[in-house]
Amino acid sequence: MSLSTPSFGALRLASSKDIERIGIVATCGFFGGPVCAWYRPFMTQYPMDTLESYCQIFAEFIKSPRHAVLVAVDSYDGLEGTVSKLNLPIYEQSVIPVTRDKVIVGVAVWALEEGSRRTGDFQGDTDIYPELSRSENRDQHQEHNEILGERAHAAQKKYPRHSSERNANTAGTDAAHRYFEGISELEMLVVHPAYRGHGHGGALVQWGLELARLDGVKQGVIGPAKGMKLYESLGFELLDELQWQGDDITPDGLKLGVLRFDPSPMNCEPEH
């Protein structure tokens, strides 16, 4: 018997044809955020390295039978390149959509729980994947990455998780994936800055919560302090906070919240 799936509504599953556009959304959407300021402090100098990196990351997510990748679409805003505040050469190299054409403006990635009955259900793409340029990762800060890794191993003892399939961009560290054992996880959520305030992020998060309710499986997320109120308003509970002290490269440091959504009837009522 097939499992019931939450209605996609205006959302849809991502495909191999979406990779470049998703890379643009992620690069512009994460730019200026605390995680990228810590992990990718040289994005301004090497924006194409960041774009190539995100294209590779999302291609692997779309291919993975253990992940669900959904996108939100909206009418193309011809000024989106200036709204992003990042000088991304791709806007000069690519075929620019016509205003009001529907384009991807947001994307979310969920890791299914270990042994999920839905494994493979969200991979319907049979197209050939494009050959992607390999990023030189000059936008990244190796020492910051290592610091996050060290904290990860310490955190693993408190919140173990068997799978290590994660990347540093989802919540700042490969370690973050190990915070939730036996539950699903919202690994990535990003909306292009030109399309924020239109409910795209909320629609993506709500789809994941409905999936959690249907399956009766808790869902975790690790994200920057700025997003904690949003997640808590949707019913997530703050479990822990992680903090890294600033330095000359990233004076503000990095603070992340570890949150979990419990779909049990007594726990899933969001705050108002």
Protein backbone atom coordinates (compact mmCIF):
# COMPACT_ATOMS: atom_id res chain seq x y z
CA MET A 1 0.00 0.00 0.00
CA SER A 2 1.43 3.37 -1.02
CA LEU A 3 1.92 6.00 1.65
CA SER A 4 -0.08 9.20 1.66
CA THR A 5 2.04 12.22 0.70
CA PRO A 6 1.38 15.85 1.67
CA SER A 7 -0.12 17.94 -1.11
CA PHE A 8 2.56 19.86 -2.98
CA GLY A 9 0.25 22.75 -3.75
CA ALA A 10 2.38 25.39 -5.47
CA LEU A 11 5.54 23.46 -4.60
CA ARG A 12 7.14 20.67 -6.62
CA LEU A 13 9.96 18.18 -6.47
CA ALA A 14 13.32 19.37 -7.78
CA SER A 15 14.89 17.77 -10.84
CA SER A 16 18.26 17.70 -12.55
CA LYS A 17 17.13 20.53 -14.83
CA ASP A 18 16.80 22.80 -11.79
CA ILE A 19 20.36 22.48 -10.48
CA GLU A 20 21.82 25.72 -11.86
CA ARG A 21 18.82 27.79 -10.80
CA ILE A 22 18.83 26.22 -7.33
CA GLY A 23 22.54 27.03 -7.09
CA ILE A 24 21.78 30.69 -7.85
CA VAL A 25 18.98 30.79 -5.25
CA ALA A 26 21.20 29.20 -2.59
CA THR A 27 24.20 31.41 -3.32
CA CYS A 28 22.20 34.63 -3.22
CA GLY A 29 19.94 33.48 -0.40
CA PHE A 30 22.68 32.34 1.98
CA PHE A 31 24.94 35.31 1.22
CA GLY A 32 25.19 37.62 4.20
CA GLY A 33 23.80 35.03 6.61
CA PRO A 34 25.71 34.00 9.75
CA VAL A 35 26.55 30.48 8.55
CA CYS A 36 28.06 31.64 5.26
CA ALA A 37 29.82 34.53 7.03
CA TRP A 38 31.54 31.89 9.15
CA TYR A 39 32.04 29.03 6.71
CA ARG A 40 32.29 30.99 3.43
CA PRO A 41 33.70 34.38 4.44
CA PHE A 42 35.27 34.93 1.00
CA MET A 43 32.07 34.65 -1.05
CA THR A 44 32.37 38.24 -2.27
CA GLN A 45 35.77 37.53 -3.83
CA TYR A 46 34.86 34.08 -5.18
CA PRO A 47 31.08 33.96 -5.82
CA MET A 48 31.42 31.40 -8.62
CA ASP A 49 33.20 29.00 -6.25
CA THR A 50 30.16 29.24 -3.98
CA LEU A 51 27.74 28.74 -6.86
CA GLU A 52 29.62 25.72 -8.17
CA SER A 53 29.75 24.26 -4.68
CA TYR A 54 26.00 24.62 -4.13
CA CYS A 55 25.25 23.13 -7.54
CA GLN A 56 27.28 20.06 -6.60
CA ILE A 57 25.66 19.81 -3.16
CA PHE A 58 22.09 20.04 -4.44
CA ALA A 59 22.77 17.64 -7.31
CA GLU A 60 23.75 15.02 -4.74
CA PHE A 61 20.67 15.76 -2.65
CA ILE A 62 18.36 15.40 -5.66
CA LYS A 63 20.00 12.09 -6.56
CA SER A 64 19.84 10.74 -3.00
CA PRO A 65 17.00 8.27 -2.23
CA ARG A 66 17.22 9.34 1.43
CA HIS A 67 16.37 12.97 0.70
CA ALA A 68 13.40 14.99 -0.49
CA VAL A 69 14.14 18.25 -2.31
CA LEU A 70 11.25 20.63 -2.94
CA VAL A 71 11.23 24.00 -4.68
CA ALA A 72 8.93 27.02 -4.56
CA VAL A 73 8.32 29.08 -7.72
CA ASP A 74 7.24 32.64 -8.40
CA SER A 75 7.15 35.15 -11.25
CA TYR A 76 10.64 36.27 -12.22
CA ASP A 77 11.73 39.65 -10.87
CA GLY A 78 14.06 41.34 -13.35
CA LEU A 79 15.78 43.16 -10.48
CA GLU A 80 16.66 40.04 -8.51
CA GLY A 81 20.34 40.31 -9.43
CA THR A 82 20.61 43.69 -7.72
CA VAL A 83 18.53 42.68 -4.70
CA SER A 84 20.94 39.86 -3.85
CA LYS A 85 23.79 42.35 -3.19
CA LEU A 86 26.23 39.78 -4.54
CA ASN A 87 28.07 40.33 -7.80
CA LEU A 88 27.32 36.98 -9.39
CA PRO A 89 28.68 36.78 -12.96
CA ILE A 90 26.13 34.09 -13.80
CA TYR A 91 23.54 36.83 -14.32
CA GLU A 92 25.61 38.09 -17.24
CA GLN A 93 26.34 34.63 -18.66
CA SER A 94 22.97 32.87 -18.42
CA VAL A 95 19.83 33.26 -20.48
CA ILE A 96 17.78 35.66 -18.34
CA PRO A 97 14.11 34.69 -17.92
CA VAL A 98 11.40 37.02 -19.10
CA THR A 99 9.65 39.01 -16.39
CA ARG A 100 6.64 37.07 -15.06
CA ASP A 101 8.08 33.74 -16.19
CA LYS A 102 7.90 31.22 -13.35
CA VAL A 103 11.28 30.53 -11.78
CA ILE A 104 12.52 28.73 -8.68
CA VAL A 105 12.79 31.16 -5.77
CA GLY A 106 13.13 28.85 -2.76
CA VAL A 107 14.32 25.35 -1.96
CA ALA A 108 14.24 22.99 1.01
CA VAL A 109 15.93 19.64 1.67
CA TRP A 110 14.81 16.98 4.12
CA ALA A 111 16.80 13.93 5.20
CA LEU A 112 14.44 11.03 5.84
CA GLU A 113 14.83 9.09 9.05
CA GLU A 114 17.01 5.97 9.04
CA GLY A 115 15.05 3.07 7.54
CA SER A 116 12.20 5.29 6.32
CA ARG A 117 9.48 3.55 4.32
CA ARG A 118 9.60 6.54 1.99
CA THR A 119 13.20 5.97 0.91
CA GLY A 120 13.33 6.56 -2.84
CA ASP A 121 9.78 7.95 -3.07
CA PHE A 122 10.93 11.47 -3.93
CA GLN A 123 13.35 10.55 -6.74
CA GLY A 124 11.34 10.50 -9.95
CA ASP A 125 13.90 12.27 -12.13
CA THR A 126 15.19 10.13 -15.01
CA ASP A 127 16.93 12.94 -16.92
CA ILE A 128 20.68 12.97 -17.45
CA TYR A 129 22.42 15.14 -14.86
CA PRO A 130 24.49 18.01 -16.27
CA GLU A 131 28.25 17.92 -16.02
CA LEU A 132 29.08 20.37 -13.25
CA SER A 133 32.20 22.46 -12.76
CA ARG A 134 34.10 21.49 -9.63
CA SER A 135 34.46 24.29 -7.12
CA GLU A 136 37.94 25.32 -5.97
CA ASN A 137 36.36 26.26 -2.59
CA ARG A 138 38.34 29.47 -2.34
CA ASP A 139 35.28 31.03 -0.69
CA GLN A 140 35.66 28.76 2.34
CA HIS A 141 37.70 29.16 5.55
CA GLN A 142 39.44 25.89 6.32
CA GLU A 143 40.20 26.67 9.95
CA HIS A 144 36.59 27.59 10.66
CA ASN A 145 35.51 24.33 9.05
CA GLU A 146 37.88 22.38 11.30
CA ILE A 147 36.62 24.19 14.41
CA LEU A 148 33.08 23.20 13.51
CA GLY A 149 34.21 19.61 13.03
CA GLU A 150 35.81 19.47 16.46
CA ARG A 151 32.61 20.72 18.07
CA ALA A 152 30.71 18.14 16.09
CA HIS A 153 32.50 15.17 17.59
CA ALA A 154 31.80 16.46 21.07
CA ALA A 155 28.13 16.97 20.19
CA GLN A 156 27.87 13.47 18.74
CA LYS A 157 28.20 12.00 22.22
CA LYS A 158 25.13 13.95 23.34
CA TYR A 159 22.95 13.60 20.25
CA PRO A 160 24.27 10.63 18.21
CA ARG A 161 23.05 9.86 14.73
CA HIS A 162 24.28 6.96 12.67
CA SER A 163 24.47 8.63 9.27
CA SER A 164 27.22 11.13 8.48
CA GLU A 165 25.73 12.22 5.16
CA ARG A 166 25.67 15.99 5.50
CA ASN A 167 27.54 19.06 4.35
CA ALA A 168 28.76 22.07 6.23
CA ASN A 169 26.37 24.44 4.50
CA THR A 170 23.17 23.01 5.92
CA ALA A 171 23.75 24.25 9.45
CA GLY A 172 27.37 25.21 9.51
CA THR A 173 28.92 21.83 10.15
CA ASP A 174 29.06 18.21 9.08
CA ALA A 175 28.48 17.53 12.74
CA ALA A 176 25.01 18.96 12.87
CA HIS A 177 23.58 15.91 11.09
CA ARG A 178 24.35 13.76 14.15
CA TYR A 179 22.08 15.70 16.48
CA PHE A 180 18.94 13.73 15.70
CA GLU A 181 18.77 9.97 16.00
CA GLY A 182 15.90 8.11 14.38
CA ILE A 183 14.09 11.23 13.13
CA SER A 184 13.88 13.22 9.93
CA GLU A 185 15.65 16.52 9.49
CA LEU A 186 15.16 19.75 7.60
CA GLU A 187 18.72 20.09 6.33
CA MET A 188 18.46 23.14 4.11
CA LEU A 189 16.01 25.99 3.65
CA VAL A 190 16.72 29.06 1.56
CA VAL A 191 14.72 31.69 -0.32
CA HIS A 192 16.22 34.14 -2.79
CA PRO A 193 16.24 37.62 -1.14
CA ALA A 194 14.23 39.14 -4.01
CA TYR A 195 11.28 36.87 -3.17
CA ARG A 196 11.21 36.91 0.61
CA GLY A 197 8.08 37.96 2.43
CA HIS A 198 5.78 36.05 0.06
CA GLY A 199 5.35 32.93 2.17
CA HIS A 200 7.66 30.65 0.19
CA GLY A 201 9.80 29.65 3.17
CA GLY A 202 6.76 29.01 5.34
CA ALA A 203 5.12 26.87 2.64
CA LEU A 204 8.24 24.72 2.36
CA VAL A 205 8.54 24.25 6.12
CA GLN A 206 4.84 23.43 6.45
CA TRP A 207 5.12 20.70 3.82
CA GLY A 208 7.84 19.04 5.89
CA LEU A 209 5.77 19.31 9.06
CA GLU A 210 2.79 17.70 7.34
CA LEU A 211 5.07 14.85 6.27
CA ALA A 212 6.17 14.46 9.90
CA ARG A 213 2.52 14.35 11.02
CA LEU A 214 1.55 11.75 8.42
CA ASP A 215 4.47 9.51 9.36
CA GLY A 216 4.37 10.19 13.09
CA VAL A 217 8.10 10.92 12.96
CA LYS A 218 9.77 13.79 14.80
CA GLN A 219 11.70 16.32 12.71
CA GLY A 220 14.82 18.25 13.63
CA VAL A 221 16.40 21.42 12.31
CA ILE A 222 19.58 23.31 13.10
CA GLY A 223 19.67 26.93 12.07
CA PRO A 224 20.89 30.42 12.92
CA ALA A 225 19.44 32.41 15.79
CA LYS A 226 17.52 34.62 13.36
CA GLY A 227 15.33 31.69 12.34
CA MET A 228 14.61 30.27 15.79
CA LYS A 229 11.45 32.34 16.36
CA LEU A 230 10.00 31.20 13.04
CA TYR A 231 10.61 27.54 13.84
CA GLU A 232 9.32 27.88 17.39
CA SER A 233 6.16 29.60 16.11
CA LEU A 234 5.55 26.54 13.91
CA GLY A 235 5.82 24.13 16.81
CA PHE A 236 9.54 23.34 17.05
CA GLU A 237 11.07 23.09 20.52
CA LEU A 238 14.51 24.55 21.19
CA LEU A 239 16.77 21.78 22.54
CA ASP A 240 20.17 23.39 22.62
CA GLU A 241 22.30 26.25 21.35
CA LEU A 242 25.75 26.05 19.80
CA GLN A 243 28.09 29.01 19.76
CA TRP A 244 31.50 29.72 18.26
CA GLN A 245 33.48 32.79 19.28
CA GLY A 246 34.34 35.38 16.65
CA ASP A 247 37.79 36.16 15.27
CA ASP A 248 39.41 38.60 12.85
CA ILE A 249 37.72 36.93 9.88
CA THR A 250 34.23 36.66 11.36
CA PRO A 251 34.02 38.99 14.39
CA ASP A 252 30.42 38.07 15.21
CA GLY A 253 31.18 34.37 15.51
CA LEU A 254 28.37 31.88 14.95
CA LYS A 255 25.34 30.87 16.99
CA LEU A 256 23.02 28.04 16.00
CA GLY A 257 19.88 26.63 17.54
CA VAL A 258 19.05 22.92 17.70
CA LEU A 259 15.28 22.45 17.44
CA ARG A 260 12.88 19.52 17.15
CA PHE A 261 9.26 19.18 16.05
CA ASP A 262 7.13 16.52 17.74
CA PRO A 263 4.02 15.65 15.67
CA SER A 264 2.27 13.98 18.63
CA PRO A 265 -1.18 15.57 19.12
CA MET A 266 -0.18 17.00 22.51
CA ASN A 267 2.94 18.66 21.13
CA CYS A 268 2.20 19.93 17.62
CA GLU A 269 0.12 22.98 18.37
CA PRO A 270 2.18 26.04 17.30
CA GLU A 271 2.40 29.13 19.44
CA HIS A 272 0.52 32.28 18.42
